[in-house]
C-alpha atoms as a PDB file:
ATOM      1  CA  MET A   1      12.924  20.173 -15.239  1.00  0.00           C
ATOM      2  CA  LEU A   2      14.475  21.819 -18.301  1.00  0.00           C
ATOM      3  CA  ARG A   3      17.884  21.741 -16.617  1.00  0.00           C
ATOM      4  CA  LEU A   4      17.476  18.069 -15.712  1.00  0.00           C
ATOM      5  CA  HIS A   5      16.449  17.212 -19.259  1.00  0.00           C
ATOM      6  CA  TYR A   6      19.521  19.048 -20.610  1.00  0.00           C
ATOM      7  CA  ASP A   7      21.844  17.158 -18.255  1.00  0.00           C
ATOM      8  CA  VAL A   8      20.472  13.798 -19.381  1.00  0.00           C
ATOM      9  CA  VAL A   9      20.874  14.680 -23.060  1.00  0.00           C
ATOM     10  CA  VAL A  10      24.466  15.853 -22.503  1.00  0.00           C
ATOM     11  CA  CYS A  11      25.204  12.718 -20.482  1.00  0.00           C
ATOM     12  CA  THR A  12      23.875  10.462 -23.238  1.00  0.00           C
ATOM     13  CA  ARG A  13      25.830  12.265 -25.933  1.00  0.00           C
ATOM     14  CA  ALA A  14      29.029  12.229 -23.845  1.00  0.00           C
ATOM     15  CA  SER A  15      28.786   8.461 -23.454  1.00  0.00           C
ATOM     16  CA  PHE A  16      28.448   8.042 -27.195  1.00  0.00           C
ATOM     17  CA  ILE A  17      31.309  10.401 -28.086  1.00  0.00           C
ATOM     18  CA  THR A  18      33.820   8.890 -25.661  1.00  0.00           C
ATOM     19  CA  SER A  19      32.872   5.272 -26.206  1.00  0.00           C
ATOM     20  CA  SER A  20      36.005   4.658 -28.305  1.00  0.00           C
ATOM     21  CA  ASN A  21      38.454   6.076 -25.747  1.00  0.00           C
ATOM     22  CA  GLY A  22      38.885   3.048 -23.497  1.00  0.00           C
ATOM     23  CA  SER A  23      36.930   0.879 -21.120  1.00  0.00           C
ATOM     24  CA  SER A  24      37.788   2.904 -18.003  1.00  0.00           C
ATOM     25  CA  ILE A  25      36.367   6.085 -19.526  1.00  0.00           C
ATOM     26  CA  ARG A  26      33.269   4.256 -20.711  1.00  0.00           C
ATOM     27  CA  SER A  27      32.733   2.754 -17.277  1.00  0.00           C
ATOM     28  CA  SER A  28      33.142   6.075 -15.464  1.00  0.00           C
ATOM     29  CA  ILE A  29      30.776   7.892 -17.768  1.00  0.00           C
ATOM     30  CA  GLY A  30      28.341   4.986 -17.738  1.00  0.00           C
ATOM     31  CA  PHE A  31      28.120   5.069 -13.946  1.00  0.00           C
ATOM     32  CA  ALA A  32      27.777   8.853 -13.961  1.00  0.00           C
ATOM     33  CA  CYS A  33      24.981   8.701 -16.505  1.00  0.00           C
ATOM     34  CA  ALA A  34      23.166   5.965 -14.621  1.00  0.00           C
ATOM     35  CA  ALA A  35      23.354   8.045 -11.446  1.00  0.00           C
ATOM     36  CA  ALA A  36      22.047  11.108 -13.276  1.00  0.00           C
ATOM     37  CA  LEU A  37      19.155   9.178 -14.793  1.00  0.00           C
ATOM     38  CA  LEU A  38      18.265   7.683 -11.404  1.00  0.00           C
ATOM     39  CA  ALA A  39      18.277  11.153  -9.865  1.00  0.00           C
ATOM     40  CA  VAL A  40      15.923  12.419 -12.569  1.00  0.00           C
ATOM     41  CA  VAL A  41      13.494   9.547 -11.978  1.00  0.00           C
ATOM     42  CA  GLN A  42      13.561  10.052  -8.203  1.00  0.00           C
ATOM     43  CA  LEU A  43      13.033  13.800  -8.491  1.00  0.00           C
ATOM     44  CA  ALA A  44      10.186  13.362 -10.940  1.00  0.00           C
ATOM     45  CA  SER A  45       8.524  10.816  -8.644  1.00  0.00           C
ATOM     46  CA  SER A  46       8.931  13.098  -5.645  1.00  0.00           C
ATOM     47  CA  ALA A  47       7.498  16.003  -7.598  1.00  0.00           C
ATOM     48  CA  ARG A  48       4.401  14.005  -8.522  1.00  0.00           C
ATOM     49  CA  ALA A  49       3.896  12.903  -4.927  1.00  0.00           C
ATOM     50  CA  SER A  50       4.376  16.419  -3.560  1.00  0.00           C
ATOM     51  CA  THR A  51       1.687  17.825  -5.842  1.00  0.00           C
ATOM     52  CA  ASP A  52      -0.847  15.045  -5.117  1.00  0.00           C
ATOM     53  CA  PRO A  53      -2.564  15.362  -1.712  1.00  0.00           C
ATOM     54  CA  GLY A  54      -3.527  11.729  -2.111  1.00  0.00           C
ATOM     55  CA  LEU A  55      -6.249   9.641  -0.542  1.00  0.00           C
ATOM     56  CA  VAL A  56      -7.381   9.538   3.074  1.00  0.00           C
ATOM     57  CA  LEU A  57      -9.058   6.630   4.821  1.00  0.00           C
ATOM     58  CA  ALA A  58     -10.404   7.874   8.156  1.00  0.00           C
ATOM     59  CA  LEU A  59     -11.415   5.376  10.842  1.00  0.00           C
ATOM     60  CA  ASP A  60     -13.968   6.597  13.396  1.00  0.00           C
ATOM     61  CA  ARG A  61     -13.742   4.296  16.422  1.00  0.00           C
ATOM     62  CA  GLU A  62     -17.049   5.407  17.904  1.00  0.00           C
ATOM     63  CA  ARG A  63     -18.956   4.641  14.713  1.00  0.00           C
ATOM     64  CA  PHE A  64     -16.859   1.617  13.700  1.00  0.00           C
ATOM     65  CA  GLU A  65     -16.703   3.120  10.236  1.00  0.00           C
ATOM     66  CA  ILE A  66     -14.052   4.009   7.667  1.00  0.00           C
ATOM     67  CA  THR A  67     -14.760   6.859   5.276  1.00  0.00           C
ATOM     68  CA  VAL A  68     -12.670   7.350   2.139  1.00  0.00           C
ATOM     69  CA  HIS A  69     -11.789  10.610   0.395  1.00  0.00           C
ATOM     70  CA  ASP A  70      -9.745  11.425  -2.697  1.00  0.00           C
ATOM     71  CA  VAL A  71      -8.447  14.839  -1.661  1.00  0.00           C
ATOM     72  CA  ARG A  72      -7.321  15.716  -5.190  1.00  0.00           C
ATOM     73  CA  SER A  73     -10.629  15.071  -6.939  1.00  0.00           C
ATOM     74  CA  GLY A  74     -12.923  15.687  -3.974  1.00  0.00           C
ATOM     75  CA  GLU A  75     -14.659  12.343  -4.560  1.00  0.00           C
ATOM     76  CA  HIS A  76     -15.697  10.023  -1.758  1.00  0.00           C
ATOM     77  CA  GLY A  77     -15.371   6.252  -1.892  1.00  0.00           C
ATOM     78  CA  PRO A  78     -17.562   3.539  -0.397  1.00  0.00           C
ATOM     79  CA  PRO A  79     -17.574   3.540   3.428  1.00  0.00           C
ATOM     80  CA  LEU A  80     -16.708   0.429   5.415  1.00  0.00           C
ATOM     81  CA  HIS A  81     -18.452  -0.863   8.533  1.00  0.00           C
ATOM     82  CA  VAL A  82     -15.746  -2.623  10.543  1.00  0.00           C
ATOM     83  CA  THR A  83     -14.707  -4.661  13.563  1.00  0.00           C
ATOM     84  CA  LEU A  84     -11.905  -3.244  15.740  1.00  0.00           C
ATOM     85  CA  GLY A  85      -9.366  -4.578  18.208  1.00  0.00           C
ATOM     86  CA  SER A  86     -10.531  -5.780  21.591  1.00  0.00           C
ATOM     87  CA  PRO A  87      -9.730  -3.850  24.798  1.00  0.00           C
ATOM     88  CA  ALA A  88      -6.878  -6.318  25.392  1.00  0.00           C
ATOM     89  CA  ASN A  89      -5.568  -5.886  21.809  1.00  0.00           C
ATOM     90  CA  PRO A  90      -6.662  -2.419  20.692  1.00  0.00           C
ATOM     91  CA  THR A  91      -6.287  -1.187  17.135  1.00  0.00           C
ATOM     92  CA  PRO A  92      -3.420   1.357  17.235  1.00  0.00           C
ATOM     93  CA  SER A  93      -4.188   5.046  16.862  1.00  0.00           C
ATOM     94  CA  GLY A  94      -2.290   7.376  14.569  1.00  0.00           C
ATOM     95  CA  GLU A  95      -1.716   8.201  10.930  1.00  0.00           C
ATOM     96  CA  PHE A  96      -0.327   5.380   8.799  1.00  0.00           C
ATOM     97  CA  SER A  97       0.974   5.430   5.230  1.00  0.00           C
ATOM     98  CA  LEU A  98      -0.402   2.725   2.947  1.00  0.00           C
ATOM     99  CA  TYR A  99       1.851   0.983   0.439  1.00  0.00           C
ATOM    100  CA  TRP A 100       0.242  -2.306  -0.646  1.00  0.00           C
ATOM    101  CA  VAL A 101      -3.036  -4.004  -1.360  1.00  0.00           C
ATOM    102  CA  ILE A 102      -2.609  -7.774  -1.034  1.00  0.00           C
ATOM    103  CA  LEU A 103      -5.177 -10.058  -2.617  1.00  0.00           C
ATOM    104  CA  ASN A 104      -5.508 -13.728  -1.704  1.00  0.00           C
ATOM    105  CA  PRO A 105      -3.511 -13.053   1.481  1.00  0.00           C
ATOM    106  CA  SER A 106      -1.734 -15.410   3.857  1.00  0.00           C
ATOM    107  CA  TRP A 107      -2.672 -15.435   7.532  1.00  0.00           C
ATOM    108  CA  PHE A 108      -0.279 -15.408  10.466  1.00  0.00           C
ATOM    109  CA  PRO A 109      -2.310 -15.599  13.689  1.00  0.00           C
ATOM    110  CA  ALA A 110      -1.595 -13.283  16.584  1.00  0.00           C
ATOM    111  CA  PRO A 111       0.125 -14.817  19.636  1.00  0.00           C
ATOM    112  CA  SER A 112      -3.188 -14.972  21.506  1.00  0.00           C
ATOM    113  CA  ALA A 113      -4.756 -16.898  18.605  1.00  0.00           C
ATOM    114  CA  GLN A 114      -1.755 -19.231  18.444  1.00  0.00           C
ATOM    115  CA  ARG A 115      -2.125 -20.008  22.126  1.00  0.00           C
ATOM    116  CA  ALA A 116      -5.723 -20.970  21.365  1.00  0.00           C
ATOM    117  CA  GLY A 117      -4.498 -23.422  18.720  1.00  0.00           C
ATOM    118  CA  ALA A 118      -4.604 -21.331  15.529  1.00  0.00           C
ATOM    119  CA  VAL A 119      -1.957 -22.091  12.917  1.00  0.00           C
ATOM    120  CA  PRO A 120      -0.728 -20.004   9.957  1.00  0.00           C
ATOM    121  CA  GLN A 121      -2.531 -20.432   6.653  1.00  0.00           C
ATOM    122  CA  GLY A 122      -1.144 -19.910   3.171  1.00  0.00           C
ATOM    123  CA  PRO A 123      -2.703 -17.667   0.520  1.00  0.00           C
ATOM    124  CA  SER A 124      -6.436 -18.267   0.443  1.00  0.00           C
ATOM    125  CA  LEU A 125      -9.759 -16.523  -0.005  1.00  0.00           C
ATOM    126  CA  THR A 126     -11.208 -18.354   2.990  1.00  0.00           C
ATOM    127  CA  SER A 127      -8.668 -17.660   5.751  1.00  0.00           C
ATOM    128  CA  PRO A 128      -9.460 -15.153   8.537  1.00  0.00           C
ATOM    129  CA  MET A 129      -7.831 -12.489   6.306  1.00  0.00           C
ATOM    130  CA  GLY A 130     -10.628 -12.861   3.792  1.00  0.00           C
ATOM    131  CA  ALA A 131     -10.208 -11.816   0.173  1.00  0.00           C
ATOM    132  CA  ALA A 132      -7.686  -9.003   0.694  1.00  0.00           C
ATOM    133  CA  LYS A 133      -5.702  -6.979   3.184  1.00  0.00           C
ATOM    134  CA  ILE A 134      -4.090  -3.539   3.360  1.00  0.00           C
ATOM    135  CA  PRO A 135      -1.276  -3.605   5.960  1.00  0.00           C
ATOM    136  CA  PHE A 136      -0.815  -0.411   7.939  1.00  0.00           C
ATOM    137  CA  ALA A 137       0.948  -1.028  11.281  1.00  0.00           C
ATOM    138  CA  GLY A 138       3.007  -3.478  13.315  1.00  0.00           C
ATOM    139  CA  GLY A 139       5.453  -4.105  10.487  1.00  0.00           C
ATOM    140  CA  GLY A 140       2.596  -5.353   8.329  1.00  0.00           C
ATOM    141  CA  SER A 141       1.064  -7.622  10.975  1.00  0.00           C
ATOM    142  CA  ILE A 142      -1.848  -5.227  11.562  1.00  0.00           C
ATOM    143  CA  ALA A 143      -4.046  -4.605   8.564  1.00  0.00           C
ATOM    144  CA  LEU A 144      -7.388  -3.581   7.232  1.00  0.00           C
ATOM    145  CA  HIS A 145      -8.641  -6.896   5.885  1.00  0.00           C
ATOM    146  CA  GLY A 146     -11.684  -8.839   4.819  1.00  0.00           C
ATOM    147  CA  GLY A 147     -13.243 -11.908   6.348  1.00  0.00           C
ATOM    148  CA  GLY A 148     -15.351  -9.900   8.775  1.00  0.00           C
ATOM    149  CA  ASP A 149     -18.265 -11.795  10.280  1.00  0.00           C
ATOM    150  CA  PRO A 150     -21.374  -9.628   9.698  1.00  0.00           C
ATOM    151  CA  ARG A 151     -22.531 -10.482  13.219  1.00  0.00           C
ATOM    152  CA  LEU A 152     -19.345  -8.966  14.698  1.00  0.00           C
ATOM    153  CA  LEU A 153     -19.139  -5.769  12.641  1.00  0.00           C
ATOM    154  CA  GLY A 154     -19.413  -2.776  14.944  1.00  0.00           C
ATOM    155  CA  LYS A 155     -17.776  -4.595  17.857  1.00  0.00           C
ATOM    156  CA  PRO A 156     -14.255  -4.484  19.405  1.00  0.00           C
ATOM    157  CA  VAL A 157     -13.323  -8.156  19.234  1.00  0.00           C
ATOM    158  CA  SER A 158     -10.322  -8.539  16.897  1.00  0.00           C
ATOM    159  CA  GLY A 159      -6.668  -9.083  17.755  1.00  0.00           C
ATOM    160  CA  GLY A 160      -5.860  -5.518  16.678  1.00  0.00           C
ATOM    161  CA  CYS A 161      -6.670  -5.601  12.970  1.00  0.00           C
ATOM    162  CA  VAL A 162      -9.569  -3.812  11.312  1.00  0.00           C
ATOM    163  CA  ARG A 163     -11.968  -6.278   9.690  1.00  0.00           C
ATOM    164  CA  SER A 164     -14.617  -5.609   7.083  1.00  0.00           C
ATOM    165  CA  ALA A 165     -16.907  -7.737   4.964  1.00  0.00           C
ATOM    166  CA  ASP A 166     -15.153  -9.055   1.853  1.00  0.00           C
ATOM    167  CA  GLY A 167     -17.627  -7.425  -0.522  1.00  0.00           C
ATOM    168  CA  ASP A 168     -17.173  -3.997   1.069  1.00  0.00           C
ATOM    169  CA  LEU A 169     -13.376  -4.225   0.978  1.00  0.00           C
ATOM    170  CA  LEU A 170     -13.352  -5.351  -2.659  1.00  0.00           C
ATOM    171  CA  ARG A 171     -15.618  -2.435  -3.568  1.00  0.00           C
ATOM    172  CA  LEU A 172     -13.119  -0.100  -1.887  1.00  0.00           C
ATOM    173  CA  ILE A 173     -10.223  -1.649  -3.815  1.00  0.00           C
ATOM    174  CA  ALA A 174     -12.141  -1.279  -7.091  1.00  0.00           C
ATOM    175  CA  TRP A 175     -12.771   2.380  -6.247  1.00  0.00           C
ATOM    176  CA  LEU A 176      -9.071   2.937  -5.475  1.00  0.00           C
ATOM    177  CA  HIS A 177      -8.246   1.407  -8.854  1.00  0.00           C
ATOM    178  CA  GLY A 178     -10.675   3.802 -10.525  1.00  0.00           C
ATOM    179  CA  GLN A 179      -8.914   6.733  -8.841  1.00  0.00           C
ATOM    180  CA  GLY A 180      -5.597   5.678 -10.395  1.00  0.00           C
ATOM    181  CA  ALA A 181      -4.223   4.815  -6.954  1.00  0.00           C
ATOM    182  CA  LEU A 182      -3.112   1.226  -7.597  1.00  0.00           C
ATOM    183  CA  GLY A 183      -0.506  -0.353  -9.836  1.00  0.00           C
ATOM    184  CA  SER A 184      -0.748  -3.563 -11.819  1.00  0.00           C
ATOM    185  CA  SER A 185      -1.316  -6.890 -10.081  1.00  0.00           C
ATOM    186  CA  ARG A 186       1.864  -8.868  -9.412  1.00  0.00           C
ATOM    187  CA  SER A 187       1.484 -12.538  -8.531  1.00  0.00           C
ATOM    188  CA  ARG A 188       4.016 -13.996  -6.109  1.00  0.00           C
ATOM    189  CA  GLU A 189       5.255 -17.560  -6.047  1.00  0.00           C
ATOM    190  CA  ASP A 190       3.384 -18.232  -2.819  1.00  0.00           C
ATOM    191  CA  GLY A 191       0.064 -17.289  -4.428  1.00  0.00           C
ATOM    192  CA  GLU A 192      -0.460 -13.808  -3.020  1.00  0.00           C
ATOM    193  CA  VAL A 193      -1.224 -10.989  -5.456  1.00  0.00           C
ATOM    194  CA  HIS A 194       0.281  -7.594  -4.628  1.00  0.00           C
ATOM    195  CA  ARG A 195      -0.713  -4.174  -5.938  1.00  0.00           C
ATOM    196  CA  ALA A 196       1.364  -1.141  -4.947  1.00  0.00           C
ATOM    197  CA  PHE A 197      -0.155   2.255  -4.218  1.00  0.00           C
ATOM    198  CA  LEU A 198       0.861   4.668  -6.979  1.00  0.00           C
ATOM    199  CA  ARG A 199      -0.528   7.702  -5.179  1.00  0.00           C
ATOM    200  CA  PRO A 200      -0.016   8.838  -1.577  1.00  0.00           C
ATOM    201  CA  ALA A 201      -2.533   7.150   0.702  1.00  0.00           C
ATOM    202  CA  ARG A 202      -2.915   7.072   4.455  1.00  0.00           C
ATOM    203  CA  LEU A 203      -5.168   5.623   7.124  1.00  0.00           C
ATOM    204  CA  ILE A 204      -6.030   7.886  10.033  1.00  0.00           C
ATOM    205  CA  VAL A 205      -7.232   6.097  13.152  1.00  0.00           C
ATOM    206  CA  ARG A 206      -8.881   8.521  15.544  1.00  0.00           C
END
């Protein structure tokens, strides 16, 4: 990091010293400096990520439960009792990186739901997505989300998503915030509110 810091200082000074020697020189050095600064930021970000083992959300299909663990601190978050995909639309297995928490989410029904007459709904707290969602598979179409009917928790009846009760999911999001895992809320024009993961996080579906 000392070498990178030195390069940035030299780059900044070089831009200042040559600024009176013509626009072409200024442009060339400006682009070079911008590239150097971008490289420093990317390397620093990668270094932080590589030293943080992150957070793990582990879904146990047999128990219909998600447990949460901050590997760095050793702390455990609030567990979630969930609904899973039906036999015809199973929740995918694997390990999935998590990038966003979306509050007040839109809902785009699965093809099977559309055939039954369901139509998309804009950002709302009362859609089948519930209060929030955390996309993890299917290009964002499959998510851990709220809106779970308490009578259906512990059953495989969804279109592939993982549903939980709104209160449980919001408690998880508050815990993630307390672990320094989430960035600031950013409101979109459509009404959704997005928060990016600042630390590595993944969902493991066994």
